[in-house]
Amino acid sequence: MSFDYSRFYVLEEAFEPRALRVASVDEIAAPEALTRAESIPDEPIRFRRDEGGRRLDLVGTTEAVLNLVSDRVIATLRDSSFTGWTTYPIEIREWNGEIVPGYQGLAVTGRSGALDKSLSRVEVLPPYVPSGRAMPHRIGLLFPPETWDGSDIFVPEETTGVMVTAAVRDAIQALGATNMGFGRIDQVALHVLDEESEPLG
């Protein structure tokens, strides 16, 4: 029986209009280590508003690999007993110094093996604009099935791309969470520039 990649999704920032985005106040030596739960700080990492102002369930950062999410999303993950994640403390402040409460950093302990380009198919897709030209795309962010540790939330080896099961996506969508998007990993289209380009993380 073939492995069903259609039940996995990449967690993405949805870039909703006027969404709060933040920049780190503290120097973060290895942001990827935070996302991959390889480094959990004892003290909150400090952020300050960079742009936007709408306090949504996912706050984007100038460190693209970080995922700052609301307490209610964390509560949903905890109440549903989803595996493969933990949190780290953060502090977000407005430009005037006011603390923005209710957010934590999402760190991922779940793992799969490295993404394998040979598992993805290549398709020539139509141009995005009428004056463009059709280009080959690699379809799918796929890992060898036997390398997945079974966690509901996980990152493939050597990436910071957070993947989740359909159950996690369904729970977050049922919550009505904002600024959080999900791309099915077997449908993600990546422009094929060269054989050395890395698709994620």
C-alpha atoms as a PDB file:
ATOM      1  CA  MET A   1       0.000   0.000   0.000  1.00  0.00           C
ATOM      2  CA  SER A   2       1.434   3.369  -1.031  1.00  0.00           C
ATOM      3  CA  PHE A   3       2.095   6.095   1.502  1.00  0.00           C
ATOM      4  CA  ASP A   4      -0.645   8.750   1.565  1.00  0.00           C
ATOM      5  CA  TYR A   5       1.160  12.089   1.319  1.00  0.00           C
ATOM      6  CA  SER A   6      -2.174  13.878   0.859  1.00  0.00           C
ATOM      7  CA  ARG A   7      -2.736  13.785   4.632  1.00  0.00           C
ATOM      8  CA  PHE A   8       0.186  16.130   5.355  1.00  0.00           C
ATOM      9  CA  TYR A   9       0.382  19.916   5.111  1.00  0.00           C
ATOM     10  CA  VAL A  10       3.005  22.639   5.332  1.00  0.00           C
ATOM     11  CA  LEU A  11       2.158  25.300   7.917  1.00  0.00           C
ATOM     12  CA  GLU A  12       2.468  28.719   6.272  1.00  0.00           C
ATOM     13  CA  GLU A  13       2.000  32.344   7.184  1.00  0.00           C
ATOM     14  CA  ALA A  14      -1.112  33.520   5.302  1.00  0.00           C
ATOM     15  CA  PHE A  15       0.044  37.168   5.052  1.00  0.00           C
ATOM     16  CA  GLU A  16      -3.363  38.579   5.886  1.00  0.00           C
ATOM     17  CA  PRO A  17      -3.712  42.353   5.352  1.00  0.00           C
ATOM     18  CA  ARG A  18      -2.328  44.559   8.150  1.00  0.00           C
ATOM     19  CA  ALA A  19      -1.273  41.513  10.189  1.00  0.00           C
ATOM     20  CA  LEU A  20       1.124  42.242  13.008  1.00  0.00           C
ATOM     21  CA  ARG A  21       4.722  41.425  12.108  1.00  0.00           C
ATOM     22  CA  VAL A  22       7.621  41.731  14.495  1.00  0.00           C
ATOM     23  CA  ALA A  23      11.399  42.031  14.532  1.00  0.00           C
ATOM     24  CA  SER A  24      13.648  40.564  17.180  1.00  0.00           C
ATOM     25  CA  VAL A  25      15.164  42.926  19.729  1.00  0.00           C
ATOM     26  CA  ASP A  26      17.598  40.298  20.933  1.00  0.00           C
ATOM     27  CA  GLU A  27      20.180  38.853  18.597  1.00  0.00           C
ATOM     28  CA  ILE A  28      19.127  35.311  17.671  1.00  0.00           C
ATOM     29  CA  ALA A  29      22.275  33.398  16.826  1.00  0.00           C
ATOM     30  CA  ALA A  30      20.518  30.326  15.378  1.00  0.00           C
ATOM     31  CA  PRO A  31      16.805  30.910  14.693  1.00  0.00           C
ATOM     32  CA  GLU A  32      16.538  27.549  12.967  1.00  0.00           C
ATOM     33  CA  ALA A  33      17.535  25.878  16.245  1.00  0.00           C
ATOM     34  CA  LEU A  34      14.520  27.468  17.922  1.00  0.00           C
ATOM     35  CA  THR A  35      12.112  26.173  15.295  1.00  0.00           C
ATOM     36  CA  ARG A  36      13.682  22.718  15.417  1.00  0.00           C
ATOM     37  CA  ALA A  37      13.565  22.671  19.259  1.00  0.00           C
ATOM     38  CA  GLU A  38      17.316  22.215  19.389  1.00  0.00           C
ATOM     39  CA  SER A  39      17.604  25.279  21.625  1.00  0.00           C
ATOM     40  CA  ILE A  40      14.949  26.311  24.152  1.00  0.00           C
ATOM     41  CA  PRO A  41      15.771  29.582  25.940  1.00  0.00           C
ATOM     42  CA  ASP A  42      15.160  30.077  29.640  1.00  0.00           C
ATOM     43  CA  GLU A  43      14.338  33.766  29.227  1.00  0.00           C
ATOM     44  CA  PRO A  44      11.784  35.209  26.769  1.00  0.00           C
ATOM     45  CA  ILE A  45      13.102  36.244  23.371  1.00  0.00           C
ATOM     46  CA  ARG A  46      12.072  39.848  22.853  1.00  0.00           C
ATOM     47  CA  PHE A  47      10.314  41.168  19.756  1.00  0.00           C
ATOM     48  CA  ARG A  48       8.999  44.576  18.791  1.00  0.00           C
ATOM     49  CA  ARG A  49       6.305  45.488  16.308  1.00  0.00           C
ATOM     50  CA  ASP A  50       7.794  45.959  12.838  1.00  0.00           C
ATOM     51  CA  GLU A  51       4.679  46.540  10.744  1.00  0.00           C
ATOM     52  CA  GLY A  52       0.939  45.943  10.711  1.00  0.00           C
ATOM     53  CA  GLY A  53      -1.104  45.923  13.862  1.00  0.00           C
ATOM     54  CA  ARG A  54      -3.779  43.238  13.675  1.00  0.00           C
ATOM     55  CA  ARG A  55      -3.113  40.692  16.415  1.00  0.00           C
ATOM     56  CA  LEU A  56      -3.806  37.429  14.634  1.00  0.00           C
ATOM     57  CA  ASP A  57      -3.109  33.829  15.591  1.00  0.00           C
ATOM     58  CA  LEU A  58       0.201  33.686  13.771  1.00  0.00           C
ATOM     59  CA  VAL A  59       2.595  36.614  14.042  1.00  0.00           C
ATOM     60  CA  GLY A  60       5.155  36.810  11.267  1.00  0.00           C
ATOM     61  CA  THR A  61       8.725  37.813  12.003  1.00  0.00           C
ATOM     62  CA  THR A  62      11.676  39.256  10.125  1.00  0.00           C
ATOM     63  CA  GLU A  63      13.335  35.921  10.981  1.00  0.00           C
ATOM     64  CA  ALA A  64      11.263  33.966   8.491  1.00  0.00           C
ATOM     65  CA  VAL A  65      11.883  30.558  10.069  1.00  0.00           C
ATOM     66  CA  LEU A  66      10.218  31.416  13.394  1.00  0.00           C
ATOM     67  CA  ASN A  67       6.569  30.664  14.185  1.00  0.00           C
ATOM     68  CA  LEU A  68       4.961  32.810  16.886  1.00  0.00           C
ATOM     69  CA  VAL A  69       1.444  31.622  17.627  1.00  0.00           C
ATOM     70  CA  SER A  70      -1.379  32.580  19.946  1.00  0.00           C
ATOM     71  CA  ASP A  71      -2.136  30.941  23.258  1.00  0.00           C
ATOM     72  CA  ARG A  72      -5.425  29.664  21.861  1.00  0.00           C
ATOM     73  CA  VAL A  73      -3.612  27.775  19.101  1.00  0.00           C
ATOM     74  CA  ILE A  74      -1.268  26.292  21.705  1.00  0.00           C
ATOM     75  CA  ALA A  75      -4.275  25.324  23.828  1.00  0.00           C
ATOM     76  CA  THR A  76      -5.834  23.564  20.834  1.00  0.00           C
ATOM     77  CA  LEU A  77      -2.646  21.577  20.202  1.00  0.00           C
ATOM     78  CA  ARG A  78      -2.429  20.656  23.876  1.00  0.00           C
ATOM     79  CA  ASP A  79      -6.103  19.808  24.347  1.00  0.00           C
ATOM     80  CA  SER A  80      -6.035  17.600  21.254  1.00  0.00           C
ATOM     81  CA  SER A  81      -2.922  15.778  22.553  1.00  0.00           C
ATOM     82  CA  PHE A  82      -1.037  16.389  19.318  1.00  0.00           C
ATOM     83  CA  THR A  83       2.568  15.247  19.397  1.00  0.00           C
ATOM     84  CA  GLY A  84       5.830  16.649  18.082  1.00  0.00           C
ATOM     85  CA  TRP A  85       5.913  20.155  19.525  1.00  0.00           C
ATOM     86  CA  THR A  86       6.829  22.314  22.472  1.00  0.00           C
ATOM     87  CA  THR A  87       7.050  26.066  23.079  1.00  0.00           C
ATOM     88  CA  TYR A  88       9.591  28.697  24.056  1.00  0.00           C
ATOM     89  CA  PRO A  89       8.912  31.988  25.836  1.00  0.00           C
ATOM     90  CA  ILE A  90       8.662  35.251  23.919  1.00  0.00           C
ATOM     91  CA  GLU A  91       7.791  38.854  24.669  1.00  0.00           C
ATOM     92  CA  ILE A  92       6.200  41.088  22.038  1.00  0.00           C
ATOM     93  CA  ARG A  93       5.967  44.843  22.506  1.00  0.00           C
ATOM     94  CA  GLU A  94       4.301  47.608  20.544  1.00  0.00           C
ATOM     95  CA  TRP A  95       6.289  50.622  19.355  1.00  0.00           C
ATOM     96  CA  ASN A  96       5.240  52.461  22.527  1.00  0.00           C
ATOM     97  CA  GLY A  97       6.543  49.667  24.739  1.00  0.00           C
ATOM     98  CA  GLU A  98       3.135  48.144  25.526  1.00  0.00           C
ATOM     99  CA  ILE A  99       3.316  44.378  25.917  1.00  0.00           C
ATOM    100  CA  VAL A 100       1.286  42.342  23.441  1.00  0.00           C
ATOM    101  CA  PRO A 101       0.092  39.377  25.528  1.00  0.00           C
ATOM    102  CA  GLY A 102      -0.945  35.902  24.522  1.00  0.00           C
ATOM    103  CA  TYR A 103       1.807  34.513  22.269  1.00  0.00           C
ATOM    104  CA  GLN A 104       4.435  31.781  22.422  1.00  0.00           C
ATOM    105  CA  GLY A 105       7.130  30.493  20.115  1.00  0.00           C
ATOM    106  CA  LEU A 106       6.310  27.158  18.482  1.00  0.00           C
ATOM    107  CA  ALA A 107       9.199  24.690  18.482  1.00  0.00           C
ATOM    108  CA  VAL A 108       8.999  21.359  16.690  1.00  0.00           C
ATOM    109  CA  THR A 109      10.397  18.144  18.127  1.00  0.00           C
ATOM    110  CA  GLY A 110       8.904  15.791  15.528  1.00  0.00           C
ATOM    111  CA  ARG A 111      11.084  14.699  12.619  1.00  0.00           C
ATOM    112  CA  SER A 112      11.181  13.068   9.233  1.00  0.00           C
ATOM    113  CA  GLY A 113      14.095  12.358   6.951  1.00  0.00           C
ATOM    114  CA  ALA A 114      15.328  14.806   4.359  1.00  0.00           C
ATOM    115  CA  LEU A 115      13.135  15.819   1.453  1.00  0.00           C
ATOM    116  CA  ASP A 116      13.788  13.600  -1.552  1.00  0.00           C
ATOM    117  CA  LYS A 117      13.488  15.234  -4.962  1.00  0.00           C
ATOM    118  CA  SER A 118      13.241  11.851  -6.640  1.00  0.00           C
ATOM    119  CA  LEU A 119       9.839  11.353  -4.980  1.00  0.00           C
ATOM    120  CA  SER A 120       8.434  14.519  -6.575  1.00  0.00           C
ATOM    121  CA  ARG A 121       7.073  14.686 -10.085  1.00  0.00           C
ATOM    122  CA  VAL A 122       7.985  17.421 -12.565  1.00  0.00           C
ATOM    123  CA  GLU A 123       5.264  19.181 -14.544  1.00  0.00           C
ATOM    124  CA  VAL A 124       5.359  22.060 -16.993  1.00  0.00           C
ATOM    125  CA  LEU A 125       2.840  24.564 -15.664  1.00  0.00           C
ATOM    126  CA  PRO A 126       1.223  27.482 -17.509  1.00  0.00           C
ATOM    127  CA  PRO A 127       2.721  30.961 -17.028  1.00  0.00           C
ATOM    128  CA  TYR A 128       1.476  33.112 -14.161  1.00  0.00           C
ATOM    129  CA  VAL A 129       0.965  36.070 -16.516  1.00  0.00           C
ATOM    130  CA  PRO A 130      -0.144  36.151 -20.178  1.00  0.00           C
ATOM    131  CA  SER A 131       3.249  37.384 -21.360  1.00  0.00           C
ATOM    132  CA  GLY A 132       5.130  34.697 -19.440  1.00  0.00           C
ATOM    133  CA  ARG A 133       6.191  31.259 -20.566  1.00  0.00           C
ATOM    134  CA  ALA A 134       5.446  27.808 -19.303  1.00  0.00           C
ATOM    135  CA  MET A 135       8.079  26.547 -16.880  1.00  0.00           C
ATOM    136  CA  PRO A 136       8.881  23.199 -15.303  1.00  0.00           C
ATOM    137  CA  HIS A 137       7.953  22.855 -11.658  1.00  0.00           C
ATOM    138  CA  ARG A 138       8.746  20.175  -9.144  1.00  0.00           C
ATOM    139  CA  ILE A 139       5.509  19.101  -7.471  1.00  0.00           C
ATOM    140  CA  GLY A 140       5.603  17.929  -3.883  1.00  0.00           C
ATOM    141  CA  LEU A 141       7.700  18.286  -0.740  1.00  0.00           C
ATOM    142  CA  LEU A 142       8.102  14.601  -0.001  1.00  0.00           C
ATOM    143  CA  PHE A 143      10.166  12.574   2.449  1.00  0.00           C
ATOM    144  CA  PRO A 144      10.822   8.821   2.545  1.00  0.00           C
ATOM    145  CA  PRO A 145       7.842   7.403   4.478  1.00  0.00           C
ATOM    146  CA  GLU A 146       9.958   5.174   6.706  1.00  0.00           C
ATOM    147  CA  THR A 147      11.818   8.226   8.073  1.00  0.00           C
ATOM    148  CA  TRP A 148       8.738   9.902   9.588  1.00  0.00           C
ATOM    149  CA  ASP A 149       8.667   9.434  13.362  1.00  0.00           C
ATOM    150  CA  GLY A 150       4.861   9.485  13.510  1.00  0.00           C
ATOM    151  CA  SER A 151       4.543  12.910  15.160  1.00  0.00           C
ATOM    152  CA  ASP A 152       1.550  15.105  14.340  1.00  0.00           C
ATOM    153  CA  ILE A 153       3.873  18.086  13.892  1.00  0.00           C
ATOM    154  CA  PHE A 154       7.359  17.625  12.443  1.00  0.00           C
ATOM    155  CA  VAL A 155      10.159  19.106  10.373  1.00  0.00           C
ATOM    156  CA  PRO A 156      12.106  17.242   7.711  1.00  0.00           C
ATOM    157  CA  GLU A 157      15.835  16.825   8.277  1.00  0.00           C
ATOM    158  CA  GLU A 158      17.910  19.944   7.518  1.00  0.00           C
ATOM    159  CA  THR A 159      14.872  22.203   7.075  1.00  0.00           C
ATOM    160  CA  THR A 160      12.706  24.511   9.153  1.00  0.00           C
ATOM    161  CA  GLY A 161       9.553  23.806   7.162  1.00  0.00           C
ATOM    162  CA  VAL A 162       6.856  22.814   9.651  1.00  0.00           C
ATOM    163  CA  MET A 163       4.645  19.963   8.479  1.00  0.00           C
ATOM    164  CA  VAL A 164       1.443  18.835  10.149  1.00  0.00           C
ATOM    165  CA  THR A 165      -1.061  16.030   9.791  1.00  0.00           C
ATOM    166  CA  ALA A 166      -4.551  16.634   8.443  1.00  0.00           C
ATOM    167  CA  ALA A 167      -5.880  16.263  11.995  1.00  0.00           C
ATOM    168  CA  VAL A 168      -3.797  19.246  13.134  1.00  0.00           C
ATOM    169  CA  ARG A 169      -4.874  21.323  10.163  1.00  0.00           C
ATOM    170  CA  ASP A 170      -8.526  20.444  10.779  1.00  0.00           C
ATOM    171  CA  ALA A 171      -8.303  21.373  14.463  1.00  0.00           C
ATOM    172  CA  ILE A 172      -6.664  24.721  13.742  1.00  0.00           C
ATOM    173  CA  GLN A 173      -9.144  25.522  10.996  1.00  0.00           C
ATOM    174  CA  ALA A 174     -12.059  24.544  13.267  1.00  0.00           C
ATOM    175  CA  LEU A 175     -10.679  27.045  15.750  1.00  0.00           C
ATOM    176  CA  GLY A 176     -10.981  29.737  13.096  1.00  0.00           C
ATOM    177  CA  ALA A 177      -7.300  30.582  13.486  1.00  0.00           C
ATOM    178  CA  THR A 178      -6.146  33.619  11.532  1.00  0.00           C
ATOM    179  CA  ASN A 179      -3.050  34.225   9.399  1.00  0.00           C
ATOM    180  CA  MET A 180      -2.350  30.496   9.235  1.00  0.00           C
ATOM    181  CA  GLY A 181      -2.333  28.685   5.912  1.00  0.00           C
ATOM    182  CA  PHE A 182      -1.809  25.050   4.931  1.00  0.00           C
ATOM    183  CA  GLY A 183      -0.427  23.727   1.656  1.00  0.00           C
ATOM    184  CA  ARG A 184      -0.815  20.028   0.947  1.00  0.00           C
ATOM    185  CA  ILE A 185       2.706  18.684   0.625  1.00  0.00           C
ATOM    186  CA  ASP A 186       1.979  16.596  -2.483  1.00  0.00           C
ATOM    187  CA  GLN A 187       0.565  19.624  -4.308  1.00  0.00           C
ATOM    188  CA  VAL A 188       3.134  22.311  -3.548  1.00  0.00           C
ATOM    189  CA  ALA A 189       4.580  23.542  -6.847  1.00  0.00           C
ATOM    190  CA  LEU A 190       8.198  24.701  -6.904  1.00  0.00           C
ATOM    191  CA  HIS A 191       9.853  26.431  -9.821  1.00  0.00           C
ATOM    192  CA  VAL A 192      12.666  24.224 -11.081  1.00  0.00           C
ATOM    193  CA  LEU A 193      15.644  26.540 -11.511  1.00  0.00           C
ATOM    194  CA  ASP A 194      18.452  24.021 -11.250  1.00  0.00           C
ATOM    195  CA  GLU A 195      19.163  20.667  -9.744  1.00  0.00           C
ATOM    196  CA  GLU A 196      20.883  22.197  -6.721  1.00  0.00           C
ATOM    197  CA  SER A 197      18.016  24.430  -5.580  1.00  0.00           C
ATOM    198  CA  GLU A 198      16.537  23.455  -2.225  1.00  0.00           C
ATOM    199  CA  PRO A 199      12.726  23.533  -1.973  1.00  0.00           C
ATOM    200  CA  LEU A 200      12.202  24.151   1.741  1.00  0.00           C
ATOM    201  CA  GLY A 201      13.967  25.657   4.692  1.00  0.00           C
END
